Amino acid sequence: MLSARWQPMLDMQAEVNRLRDEMDRLFGRWTGRRFPLAPTTYPLMNVWEEDENLFVETELPGMELGDLEIYVHGDQLAVKGERKEPGNDKNTWHRRERGYGKFARVLELPVPVDEDKVAAAFKNGVLTITLPKRAEAKPRRIDIRAD
């Protein structure tokens, strides 16, 4: 990567997540459970790049392929889905920590991508999205001429 962009919203989100984790830790001592603050960003994503591609990876355990949708528009990637509740309501629940329901996560892409060539693979609960960079986003070597 040639340069790093300043992304104040990501910095602010990281700080909010840090504070939320600290509150969870603090109040969890007394209650034995998470403090009921706003839901944590879901799904969590790893984003990295190589010369030709940008990659996004997210863990979605227990999800089925048909429960997921991916959209790329301009400089944004959206991952949407629904984790369905188990169908057996006759159980007596002692603890129910896993979340269920619809989710959506929109991610600002750090470089322009070729929307027509985006590919996604879902294996063992891990979604990997490969986003080929547009030509203008790829690093270009400049030869230095001796005078």
N, C-alpha and C. Protein backbone atom coordinates (compact mmCIF):
# COMPACT_ATOMS: atom_id res chain seq x y z
N MET A 1 0.85 -1.17 0.00
CA MET A 1 0.00 0.00 0.00
C MET A 1 0.90 1.23 0.00
N LEU A 2 0.58 2.20 -0.82
CA LEU A 2 1.43 3.36 -0.96
C LEU A 2 1.19 4.42 0.10
N SER A 3 -0.05 4.60 0.51
CA SER A 3 -0.33 5.64 1.50
C SER A 3 -1.49 5.22 2.38
N ALA A 4 -1.59 5.86 3.51
CA ALA A 4 -2.70 5.60 4.43
C ALA A 4 -3.62 6.80 4.42
N ARG A 5 -4.93 6.53 4.32
CA ARG A 5 -5.89 7.63 4.35
C ARG A 5 -6.34 7.85 5.78
N TRP A 6 -6.52 9.11 6.13
CA TRP A 6 -7.06 9.43 7.44
C TRP A 6 -8.56 9.20 7.37
N GLN A 7 -9.08 8.37 8.25
CA GLN A 7 -10.49 8.04 8.23
C GLN A 7 -11.07 8.31 9.61
N PRO A 8 -11.50 9.55 9.85
CA PRO A 8 -11.95 9.92 11.19
C PRO A 8 -13.13 9.10 11.69
N MET A 9 -14.03 8.68 10.81
CA MET A 9 -15.19 7.90 11.26
C MET A 9 -14.75 6.52 11.76
N LEU A 10 -13.75 5.93 11.10
CA LEU A 10 -13.25 4.64 11.57
C LEU A 10 -12.54 4.80 12.90
N ASP A 11 -11.78 5.89 13.06
CA ASP A 11 -11.11 6.14 14.33
C ASP A 11 -12.14 6.33 15.44
N MET A 12 -13.20 7.06 15.14
CA MET A 12 -14.24 7.30 16.13
C MET A 12 -14.97 5.98 16.47
N GLN A 13 -15.25 5.15 15.46
CA GLN A 13 -15.90 3.86 15.71
C GLN A 13 -15.02 2.98 16.58
N ALA A 14 -13.72 2.98 16.34
CA ALA A 14 -12.80 2.19 17.15
C ALA A 14 -12.83 2.66 18.60
N GLU A 15 -12.89 3.96 18.81
CA GLU A 15 -12.94 4.49 20.17
C GLU A 15 -14.26 4.13 20.85
N VAL A 16 -15.37 4.21 20.13
CA VAL A 16 -16.67 3.82 20.68
C VAL A 16 -16.65 2.33 21.06
N ASN A 17 -16.09 1.49 20.18
CA ASN A 17 -15.99 0.06 20.49
C ASN A 17 -15.14 -0.19 21.72
N ARG A 18 -14.03 0.56 21.85
CA ARG A 18 -13.16 0.40 23.01
C ARG A 18 -13.91 0.77 24.29
N LEU A 19 -14.65 1.89 24.26
CA LEU A 19 -15.42 2.30 25.43
C LEU A 19 -16.52 1.29 25.76
N ARG A 20 -17.18 0.76 24.73
CA ARG A 20 -18.23 -0.23 24.94
C ARG A 20 -17.64 -1.48 25.60
N ASP A 21 -16.48 -1.92 25.10
CA ASP A 21 -15.83 -3.09 25.69
C ASP A 21 -15.46 -2.84 27.15
N GLU A 22 -15.00 -1.64 27.45
CA GLU A 22 -14.64 -1.30 28.83
C GLU A 22 -15.89 -1.31 29.72
N MET A 23 -17.01 -0.77 29.22
CA MET A 23 -18.26 -0.79 29.99
C MET A 23 -18.75 -2.22 30.20
N ASP A 24 -18.65 -3.04 29.15
CA ASP A 24 -19.04 -4.44 29.27
C ASP A 24 -18.21 -5.13 30.35
N ARG A 25 -16.91 -4.89 30.33
CA ARG A 25 -16.02 -5.51 31.30
C ARG A 25 -16.36 -5.03 32.71
N LEU A 26 -16.56 -3.74 32.88
CA LEU A 26 -16.85 -3.16 34.18
C LEU A 26 -18.17 -3.67 34.74
N PHE A 27 -19.25 -3.58 33.97
CA PHE A 27 -20.56 -3.98 34.46
C PHE A 27 -20.73 -5.49 34.48
N GLY A 28 -19.98 -6.20 33.65
CA GLY A 28 -20.05 -7.65 33.65
C GLY A 28 -19.59 -8.26 34.95
N ARG A 29 -18.74 -7.56 35.70
CA ARG A 29 -18.29 -8.06 37.01
C ARG A 29 -19.46 -8.21 37.97
N TRP A 30 -20.42 -7.29 37.89
CA TRP A 30 -21.54 -7.31 38.83
C TRP A 30 -22.71 -8.13 38.32
N THR A 31 -22.95 -8.09 37.03
CA THR A 31 -24.15 -8.73 36.50
C THR A 31 -23.90 -10.12 35.95
N GLY A 32 -22.64 -10.43 35.63
CA GLY A 32 -22.34 -11.71 35.01
C GLY A 32 -22.74 -11.78 33.55
N ARG A 33 -23.13 -10.65 32.98
CA ARG A 33 -23.50 -10.61 31.56
C ARG A 33 -23.10 -9.26 30.98
N ARG A 34 -23.20 -9.16 29.70
CA ARG A 34 -22.84 -7.91 29.04
C ARG A 34 -23.79 -6.79 29.44
N PHE A 35 -23.23 -5.62 29.56
CA PHE A 35 -24.05 -4.44 29.80
C PHE A 35 -24.86 -4.16 28.54
N PRO A 36 -26.15 -3.90 28.63
CA PRO A 36 -26.98 -3.78 27.43
C PRO A 36 -26.81 -2.44 26.71
N LEU A 37 -25.65 -2.25 26.14
CA LEU A 37 -25.44 -1.07 25.31
C LEU A 37 -25.86 -1.39 23.88
N ALA A 38 -25.66 -0.44 22.98
CA ALA A 38 -25.98 -0.66 21.57
C ALA A 38 -25.24 -1.89 21.07
N PRO A 39 -25.82 -2.60 20.12
CA PRO A 39 -25.18 -3.82 19.65
C PRO A 39 -23.83 -3.55 19.01
N THR A 40 -22.92 -4.49 19.20
CA THR A 40 -21.60 -4.39 18.60
C THR A 40 -21.74 -4.48 17.08
N THR A 41 -20.86 -3.81 16.37
CA THR A 41 -20.88 -3.87 14.91
C THR A 41 -20.78 -5.32 14.47
N TYR A 42 -21.69 -5.73 13.60
CA TYR A 42 -21.72 -7.11 13.14
C TYR A 42 -22.04 -7.13 11.66
N PRO A 43 -21.41 -7.94 10.91
CA PRO A 43 -20.32 -8.82 11.30
C PRO A 43 -18.98 -8.08 11.31
N LEU A 44 -18.06 -8.57 12.12
CA LEU A 44 -16.72 -7.99 12.15
C LEU A 44 -16.01 -8.37 10.85
N MET A 45 -15.19 -7.45 10.34
CA MET A 45 -14.55 -7.67 9.04
C MET A 45 -13.06 -7.40 9.10
N ASN A 46 -12.31 -8.20 8.38
CA ASN A 46 -10.89 -7.93 8.13
C ASN A 46 -10.79 -7.46 6.69
N VAL A 47 -10.01 -6.41 6.46
CA VAL A 47 -9.83 -5.86 5.11
C VAL A 47 -8.34 -5.70 4.87
N TRP A 48 -7.86 -6.21 3.75
CA TRP A 48 -6.45 -6.04 3.40
C TRP A 48 -6.34 -5.97 1.89
N GLU A 49 -5.17 -5.55 1.42
CA GLU A 49 -4.98 -5.45 -0.01
C GLU A 49 -3.62 -5.97 -0.44
N GLU A 50 -3.58 -6.40 -1.68
CA GLU A 50 -2.35 -6.77 -2.36
C GLU A 50 -2.28 -5.88 -3.60
N ASP A 51 -1.29 -6.08 -4.44
CA ASP A 51 -1.14 -5.22 -5.61
C ASP A 51 -2.37 -5.17 -6.50
N GLU A 52 -2.99 -6.32 -6.74
CA GLU A 52 -4.09 -6.41 -7.70
C GLU A 52 -5.48 -6.38 -7.08
N ASN A 53 -5.61 -6.79 -5.82
CA ASN A 53 -6.93 -6.99 -5.22
C ASN A 53 -7.03 -6.41 -3.81
N LEU A 54 -8.27 -6.13 -3.45
CA LEU A 54 -8.66 -5.81 -2.08
C LEU A 54 -9.44 -7.03 -1.59
N PHE A 55 -9.25 -7.41 -0.34
CA PHE A 55 -9.93 -8.58 0.22
C PHE A 55 -10.70 -8.18 1.47
N VAL A 56 -11.89 -8.75 1.61
CA VAL A 56 -12.70 -8.57 2.82
C VAL A 56 -13.07 -9.97 3.30
N GLU A 57 -12.84 -10.21 4.58
CA GLU A 57 -13.14 -11.52 5.15
C GLU A 57 -13.97 -11.30 6.42
N THR A 58 -15.01 -12.10 6.56
CA THR A 58 -15.87 -12.00 7.74
C THR A 58 -16.35 -13.39 8.15
N GLU A 59 -16.44 -13.60 9.45
CA GLU A 59 -16.91 -14.87 9.98
C GLU A 59 -18.41 -14.80 10.20
N LEU A 60 -19.13 -15.76 9.65
CA LEU A 60 -20.58 -15.83 9.79
C LEU A 60 -20.98 -17.26 10.15
N PRO A 61 -20.59 -17.71 11.35
CA PRO A 61 -20.87 -19.11 11.72
C PRO A 61 -22.36 -19.40 11.78
N GLY A 62 -22.71 -20.58 11.31
CA GLY A 62 -24.09 -21.01 11.37
C GLY A 62 -24.98 -20.45 10.28
N MET A 63 -24.44 -19.61 9.43
CA MET A 63 -25.24 -19.01 8.36
C MET A 63 -25.23 -19.92 7.14
N GLU A 64 -26.27 -19.81 6.35
CA GLU A 64 -26.37 -20.54 5.08
C GLU A 64 -26.13 -19.55 3.94
N LEU A 65 -25.65 -20.06 2.83
CA LEU A 65 -25.36 -19.22 1.67
C LEU A 65 -26.58 -18.41 1.23
N GLY A 66 -27.75 -19.02 1.27
CA GLY A 66 -28.98 -18.34 0.85
C GLY A 66 -29.42 -17.22 1.78
N ASP A 67 -28.81 -17.11 2.96
CA ASP A 67 -29.17 -16.08 3.93
C ASP A 67 -28.34 -14.81 3.77
N LEU A 68 -27.44 -14.79 2.78
CA LEU A 68 -26.50 -13.67 2.62
C LEU A 68 -26.70 -12.94 1.30
N GLU A 69 -26.45 -11.63 1.32
CA GLU A 69 -26.45 -10.81 0.11
C GLU A 69 -25.25 -9.88 0.18
N ILE A 70 -24.62 -9.66 -0.97
CA ILE A 70 -23.47 -8.76 -1.06
C ILE A 70 -23.74 -7.78 -2.18
N TYR A 71 -23.46 -6.51 -1.93
CA TYR A 71 -23.62 -5.46 -2.93
C TYR A 71 -22.36 -4.60 -2.95
N VAL A 72 -21.96 -4.20 -4.15
CA VAL A 72 -20.88 -3.23 -4.30
C VAL A 72 -21.43 -2.09 -5.13
N HIS A 73 -21.31 -0.89 -4.60
CA HIS A 73 -21.76 0.29 -5.34
C HIS A 73 -20.79 1.42 -5.07
N GLY A 74 -20.09 1.85 -6.12
CA GLY A 74 -19.12 2.93 -5.94
C GLY A 74 -18.03 2.51 -4.98
N ASP A 75 -17.85 3.30 -3.93
CA ASP A 75 -16.78 3.01 -2.96
C ASP A 75 -17.31 2.30 -1.71
N GLN A 76 -18.46 1.61 -1.83
CA GLN A 76 -19.04 0.94 -0.67
C GLN A 76 -19.33 -0.53 -0.95
N LEU A 77 -19.11 -1.33 0.07
CA LEU A 77 -19.45 -2.75 0.05
C LEU A 77 -20.50 -2.97 1.13
N ALA A 78 -21.58 -3.63 0.78
CA ALA A 78 -22.63 -3.95 1.76
C ALA A 78 -22.76 -5.46 1.88
N VAL A 79 -22.78 -5.94 3.11
CA VAL A 79 -23.04 -7.35 3.41
C VAL A 79 -24.31 -7.38 4.25
N LYS A 80 -25.32 -8.08 3.76
CA LYS A 80 -26.60 -8.17 4.45
C LYS A 80 -26.96 -9.63 4.64
N GLY A 81 -27.73 -9.89 5.67
CA GLY A 81 -28.16 -11.26 5.88
C GLY A 81 -29.12 -11.39 7.02
N GLU A 82 -29.47 -12.63 7.30
CA GLU A 82 -30.36 -12.91 8.42
C GLU A 82 -29.94 -14.23 9.06
N ARG A 83 -29.72 -14.17 10.35
CA ARG A 83 -29.44 -15.38 11.13
C ARG A 83 -30.78 -15.78 11.73
N LYS A 84 -31.27 -16.95 11.32
CA LYS A 84 -32.59 -17.40 11.76
C LYS A 84 -32.52 -18.04 13.14
N GLU A 85 -33.57 -17.81 13.92
CA GLU A 85 -33.66 -18.41 15.26
C GLU A 85 -33.92 -19.91 15.13
N PRO A 86 -33.43 -20.68 16.10
CA PRO A 86 -33.77 -22.10 16.09
C PRO A 86 -35.29 -22.25 16.20
N GLY A 87 -35.84 -23.23 15.50
CA GLY A 87 -37.29 -23.36 15.42
C GLY A 87 -37.97 -23.96 16.63
N ASN A 88 -37.23 -24.49 17.59
CA ASN A 88 -37.85 -25.19 18.71
C ASN A 88 -38.12 -24.22 19.86
N ASP A 89 -39.38 -23.76 19.98
CA ASP A 89 -39.75 -22.84 21.06
C ASP A 89 -40.16 -23.58 22.33
N LYS A 90 -40.16 -24.90 22.31
CA LYS A 90 -40.57 -25.66 23.48
C LYS A 90 -39.44 -25.85 24.48
N ASN A 91 -38.24 -25.42 24.10
CA ASN A 91 -37.10 -25.55 25.00
C ASN A 91 -37.20 -24.59 26.17
N THR A 92 -36.62 -24.97 27.28
CA THR A 92 -36.43 -24.05 28.40
C THR A 92 -35.02 -23.51 28.29
N TRP A 93 -34.90 -22.24 27.99
CA TRP A 93 -33.59 -21.63 27.79
C TRP A 93 -32.99 -21.22 29.12
N HIS A 94 -31.74 -21.57 29.35
CA HIS A 94 -31.01 -21.14 30.54
C HIS A 94 -30.07 -19.99 30.22
N ARG A 95 -29.64 -19.94 29.02
CA ARG A 95 -28.79 -18.84 28.56
C ARG A 95 -28.96 -18.76 27.05
N ARG A 96 -29.13 -17.55 26.56
CA ARG A 96 -29.31 -17.36 25.12
C ARG A 96 -28.51 -16.13 24.71
N GLU A 97 -27.25 -16.35 24.33
CA GLU A 97 -26.34 -15.25 24.05
C GLU A 97 -26.16 -14.98 22.56
N ARG A 98 -26.42 -15.96 21.74
CA ARG A 98 -26.24 -15.77 20.30
C ARG A 98 -27.34 -14.89 19.76
N GLY A 99 -26.96 -13.96 18.90
CA GLY A 99 -27.93 -13.05 18.32
C GLY A 99 -28.60 -13.65 17.10
N TYR A 100 -29.83 -13.22 16.85
CA TYR A 100 -30.59 -13.66 15.70
C TYR A 100 -31.25 -12.45 15.07
N GLY A 101 -31.62 -12.60 13.82
CA GLY A 101 -32.31 -11.54 13.13
C GLY A 101 -31.51 -11.01 11.95
N LYS A 102 -32.02 -9.93 11.38
CA LYS A 102 -31.39 -9.34 10.20
C LYS A 102 -30.22 -8.45 10.60
N PHE A 103 -29.24 -8.37 9.71
CA PHE A 103 -28.11 -7.47 9.92
C PHE A 103 -27.69 -6.90 8.58
N ALA A 104 -27.01 -5.78 8.63
CA ALA A 104 -26.44 -5.15 7.44
C ALA A 104 -25.20 -4.39 7.86
N ARG A 105 -24.17 -4.51 7.08
CA ARG A 105 -22.92 -3.80 7.36
C ARG A 105 -22.46 -3.17 6.06
N VAL A 106 -22.22 -1.87 6.09
CA VAL A 106 -21.72 -1.14 4.92
C VAL A 106 -20.32 -0.67 5.24
N LEU A 107 -19.41 -0.97 4.35
CA LEU A 107 -17.99 -0.68 4.54
C LEU A 107 -17.51 0.24 3.44
N GLU A 108 -16.81 1.31 3.81
CA GLU A 108 -16.20 2.18 2.81
C GLU A 108 -14.93 1.51 2.30
N LEU A 109 -14.85 1.35 0.99
CA LEU A 109 -13.68 0.71 0.40
C LEU A 109 -12.54 1.72 0.28
N PRO A 110 -11.32 1.32 0.62
CA PRO A 110 -10.20 2.26 0.62
C PRO A 110 -9.65 2.60 -0.76
N VAL A 111 -9.99 1.79 -1.78
CA VAL A 111 -9.52 2.04 -3.14
C VAL A 111 -10.66 1.75 -4.11
N PRO A 112 -10.63 2.36 -5.31
CA PRO A 112 -11.66 2.04 -6.32
C PRO A 112 -11.51 0.59 -6.79
N VAL A 113 -12.65 -0.10 -6.95
CA VAL A 113 -12.64 -1.50 -7.38
C VAL A 113 -13.46 -1.67 -8.66
N ASP A 114 -13.18 -2.75 -9.37
CA ASP A 114 -13.92 -3.10 -10.58
C ASP A 114 -15.15 -3.89 -10.15
N GLU A 115 -16.30 -3.22 -10.09
CA GLU A 115 -17.53 -3.83 -9.57
C GLU A 115 -17.94 -5.08 -10.34
N ASP A 116 -17.64 -5.14 -11.63
CA ASP A 116 -18.06 -6.27 -12.47
C ASP A 116 -17.24 -7.54 -12.23
N LYS A 117 -16.11 -7.42 -11.55
CA LYS A 117 -15.24 -8.58 -11.36
C LYS A 117 -15.15 -9.04 -9.90
N VAL A 118 -16.00 -8.51 -9.04
CA VAL A 118 -15.99 -8.90 -7.63
C VAL A 118 -16.43 -10.36 -7.51
N ALA A 119 -15.74 -11.11 -6.67
CA ALA A 119 -16.08 -12.52 -6.44
C ALA A 119 -16.18 -12.77 -4.94
N ALA A 120 -17.02 -13.73 -4.57
CA ALA A 120 -17.18 -14.07 -3.15
C ALA A 120 -17.23 -15.59 -3.00
N ALA A 121 -16.64 -16.06 -1.91
CA ALA A 121 -16.66 -17.48 -1.59
C ALA A 121 -17.06 -17.64 -0.12
N PHE A 122 -17.86 -18.65 0.16
CA PHE A 122 -18.34 -18.91 1.52
C PHE A 122 -17.99 -20.35 1.86
N LYS A 123 -17.08 -20.52 2.81
CA LYS A 123 -16.62 -21.86 3.17
C LYS A 123 -16.44 -21.94 4.68
N ASN A 124 -17.02 -22.96 5.29
CA ASN A 124 -16.90 -23.20 6.73
C ASN A 124 -17.25 -21.97 7.57
N GLY A 125 -18.28 -21.23 7.15
CA GLY A 125 -18.73 -20.08 7.92
C GLY A 125 -17.90 -18.82 7.73
N VAL A 126 -16.96 -18.84 6.79
CA VAL A 126 -16.13 -17.66 6.53
C VAL A 126 -16.44 -17.16 5.12
N LEU A 127 -16.83 -15.90 5.02
CA LEU A 127 -17.11 -15.26 3.74
C LEU A 127 -15.87 -14.47 3.33
N THR A 128 -15.33 -14.77 2.15
CA THR A 128 -14.18 -14.06 1.62
C THR A 128 -14.59 -13.39 0.32
N ILE A 129 -14.43 -12.07 0.27
CA ILE A 129 -14.81 -11.29 -0.91
C ILE A 129 -13.53 -10.76 -1.54
N THR A 130 -13.35 -11.02 -2.83
CA THR A 130 -12.19 -10.54 -3.58
C THR A 130 -12.66 -9.43 -4.51
N LEU A 131 -12.08 -8.25 -4.33
CA LEU A 131 -12.47 -7.07 -5.10
C LEU A 131 -11.26 -6.61 -5.92
N PRO A 132 -11.23 -6.91 -7.23
CA PRO A 132 -10.11 -6.46 -8.05
C PRO A 132 -10.06 -4.93 -8.11
N LYS A 133 -8.87 -4.40 -7.96
CA LYS A 133 -8.70 -2.95 -8.02
C LYS A 133 -8.86 -2.46 -9.45
N ARG A 134 -9.41 -1.26 -9.59
CA ARG A 134 -9.42 -0.62 -10.90
C ARG A 134 -8.01 -0.20 -11.25
N ALA A 135 -7.73 -0.05 -12.52
CA ALA A 135 -6.37 0.25 -12.98
C ALA A 135 -5.79 1.48 -12.29
N GLU A 136 -6.60 2.51 -12.09
CA GLU A 136 -6.07 3.74 -11.47
C GLU A 136 -5.72 3.56 -10.00
N ALA A 137 -6.20 2.48 -9.38
CA ALA A 137 -5.91 2.25 -7.97
C ALA A 137 -4.69 1.36 -7.76
N LYS A 138 -4.23 0.71 -8.82
CA LYS A 138 -3.09 -0.19 -8.70
C LYS A 138 -1.79 0.60 -8.67
N PRO A 139 -0.85 0.18 -7.84
CA PRO A 139 0.44 0.87 -7.82
C PRO A 139 1.13 0.71 -9.17
N ARG A 140 1.75 1.77 -9.59
CA ARG A 140 2.46 1.74 -10.86
C ARG A 140 3.91 2.11 -10.62
N ARG A 141 4.80 1.28 -11.09
CA ARG A 141 6.23 1.53 -10.92
C ARG A 141 6.65 2.60 -11.92
N ILE A 142 7.40 3.56 -11.43
CA ILE A 142 7.93 4.64 -12.28
C ILE A 142 9.43 4.43 -12.39
N ASP A 143 9.90 4.25 -13.60
CA ASP A 143 11.34 4.11 -13.81
C ASP A 143 12.00 5.47 -13.68
N ILE A 144 13.14 5.46 -13.03
CA ILE A 144 13.91 6.70 -12.83
C ILE A 144 15.00 6.74 -13.89
N ARG A 145 15.06 7.84 -14.55
CA ARG A 145 16.02 8.02 -15.63
C ARG A 145 17.23 8.76 -15.10
N ALA A 146 18.40 8.31 -15.48
CA ALA A 146 19.63 8.99 -15.09
C ALA A 146 19.93 10.09 -16.10
N ASP A 147 20.20 11.28 -15.62
CA ASP A 147 20.54 12.39 -16.52
C ASP A 147 22.02 12.59 -16.60
